[in-house]
Protein backbone atom coordinates (compact mmCIF):
# COMPACT_ATOMS: atom_id res chain seq x y z
CA UNK A 1 -30.70 -12.14 -128.34
CA UNK A 2 -32.65 -14.38 -125.99
CA UNK A 3 -34.12 -16.18 -129.00
CA UNK A 4 -30.68 -16.58 -130.58
CA UNK A 5 -29.39 -18.22 -127.40
CA UNK A 6 -32.58 -20.15 -126.52
CA UNK A 7 -30.93 -23.38 -127.70
CA UNK A 8 -27.34 -23.49 -126.47
CA UNK A 9 -26.44 -26.81 -128.13
CA UNK A 10 -24.67 -27.63 -124.85
CA UNK A 11 -25.30 -30.10 -122.06
CA UNK A 12 -25.38 -28.80 -118.49
CA UNK A 13 -21.91 -30.29 -117.93
CA UNK A 14 -20.50 -28.52 -121.03
CA UNK A 15 -22.03 -25.24 -119.88
CA UNK A 16 -20.53 -25.63 -116.40
CA UNK A 17 -17.12 -26.31 -117.94
CA UNK A 18 -17.40 -23.26 -120.19
CA UNK A 19 -18.46 -21.01 -117.30
CA UNK A 20 -15.45 -22.33 -115.35
CA UNK A 21 -13.22 -21.49 -118.35
CA UNK A 22 -14.60 -17.92 -118.43
CA UNK A 23 -14.12 -17.49 -114.67
CA UNK A 24 -10.54 -18.79 -114.88
CA UNK A 25 -9.73 -16.44 -117.78
CA UNK A 26 -11.29 -13.40 -116.08
CA UNK A 27 -8.63 -10.73 -115.74
CA UNK A 28 -6.19 -12.67 -117.93
CA UNK A 29 -4.76 -11.90 -121.34
CA UNK A 30 -5.46 -14.27 -124.20
CA UNK A 31 -2.77 -15.31 -126.71
CA UNK A 32 -4.03 -12.57 -129.07
CA UNK A 33 -3.35 -9.96 -126.34
CA UNK A 34 -6.99 -9.31 -125.49
CA UNK A 35 -7.79 -8.79 -121.80
CA UNK A 36 -10.94 -10.50 -120.54
CA UNK A 37 -12.58 -8.44 -117.84
CA UNK A 38 -15.95 -9.58 -116.54
CA UNK A 39 -16.51 -7.04 -113.78
CA UNK A 40 -19.47 -4.83 -112.87
CA UNK A 41 -19.08 -1.19 -111.92
CA UNK A 42 -21.17 0.76 -109.45
CA UNK A 43 -24.77 1.67 -110.14
CA UNK A 44 -24.53 5.36 -109.31
CA UNK A 45 -22.28 8.19 -108.31
CA UNK A 46 -18.86 7.25 -107.02
CA UNK A 47 -18.92 6.84 -103.30
CA UNK A 48 -19.13 4.11 -100.73
CA UNK A 49 -21.24 1.86 -102.95
CA UNK A 50 -19.45 -1.34 -103.87
CA UNK A 51 -19.88 -2.90 -107.31
CA UNK A 52 -22.28 -5.81 -107.50
CA UNK A 53 -20.49 -9.11 -108.20
CA UNK A 54 -20.49 -10.33 -111.79
CA UNK A 55 -22.64 -13.48 -111.92
CA UNK A 56 -21.58 -15.52 -114.93
CA UNK A 57 -24.60 -17.82 -114.92
CA UNK A 58 -26.96 -14.81 -114.89
CA UNK A 59 -25.11 -12.26 -117.02
CA UNK A 60 -23.69 -14.55 -119.74
CA UNK A 61 -25.59 -16.55 -122.35
CA UNK A 62 -23.73 -19.34 -124.17
CA UNK A 63 -24.15 -21.11 -127.49
CA UNK A 64 -21.98 -23.88 -128.90
CA UNK A 65 -21.49 -23.55 -132.67
CA UNK A 66 -18.85 -26.27 -133.12
CA UNK A 67 -16.48 -28.10 -130.76
CA UNK A 68 -14.03 -25.20 -131.13
CA UNK A 69 -16.34 -22.21 -131.65
CA UNK A 70 -18.81 -20.70 -129.19
CA UNK A 71 -20.88 -17.54 -129.06
CA UNK A 72 -21.43 -15.59 -125.89
CA UNK A 73 -23.63 -12.62 -125.09
CA UNK A 74 -23.11 -10.80 -121.82
CA UNK A 75 -23.77 -7.52 -120.08
CA UNK A 76 -21.74 -5.53 -117.60
CA UNK A 77 -23.47 -3.13 -115.22
CA UNK A 78 -22.08 0.37 -114.67
CA UNK A 79 -23.73 3.70 -115.47
CA UNK A 80 -26.20 1.67 -117.50
CA UNK A 81 -25.39 -1.63 -119.15
CA UNK A 82 -22.76 -2.56 -121.70
CA UNK A 83 -23.84 -5.45 -123.93
CA UNK A 84 -21.34 -7.56 -125.87
CA UNK A 85 -21.85 -10.35 -128.41
CA UNK A 86 -18.67 -12.33 -129.17
CA UNK A 87 -17.30 -15.50 -130.71
CA UNK A 88 -14.85 -17.49 -128.60
CA UNK A 89 -12.54 -20.10 -130.07
CA UNK A 90 -11.28 -22.83 -127.78
CA UNK A 91 -8.73 -25.61 -128.17
CA UNK A 92 -8.01 -28.27 -125.57
CA UNK A 93 -10.03 -26.40 -122.94
CA UNK A 94 -8.21 -23.09 -123.47
CA UNK A 95 -9.49 -19.92 -125.09
CA UNK A 96 -7.39 -19.08 -128.12
CA UNK A 97 -9.27 -16.16 -129.67
CA UNK A 98 -12.15 -13.82 -128.93
CA UNK A 99 -13.82 -11.90 -131.75
CA UNK A 100 -16.35 -9.17 -131.04
CA UNK A 101 -19.44 -9.38 -133.23
CA UNK A 102 -21.14 -6.28 -131.82
CA UNK A 103 -21.32 -4.08 -128.73
CA UNK A 104 -23.83 -1.54 -127.57
CA UNK A 105 -24.58 0.50 -124.47
CA UNK A 106 -27.68 1.44 -122.53
CA UNK A 107 -26.81 4.55 -120.50
CA UNK A 108 -28.42 6.43 -117.67
CA UNK A 109 -27.12 9.26 -115.47
CA UNK A 110 -24.76 8.29 -112.68
C-alpha cells in the first residue's frame, strides 16, 4: 500500500485541505448514511488505559485520482489494527460518497 500511495498527486495545500475535511466529517453521517469514525481503541485489556488519539497525518494515506475522486488508506488501533482502503467522492469541498475497496485486520490478544 505504501507504494500505491507513494505519489499522492496532491500538493501540500490540497492534502491539508483534505485532512481538514476528514477531521470535520469525523463522527458525522454522510449523505449515503455512512458514519465516519476515525477513532483508536485501547491497546490492551479494558481498564484505566485511555485510547491513543487518532493522528490523521500519520494514520491516513491520501491519493488524488481526479478532482472529485480520492483514495485513502488508514488504520485504526484497537486489539490489533484494522486497515481500510476506500474511495472518497467529493463535490464542492464536501464528501458525498465513501466506497470501501477492502478491509482487513491484524489481531493480537487484548
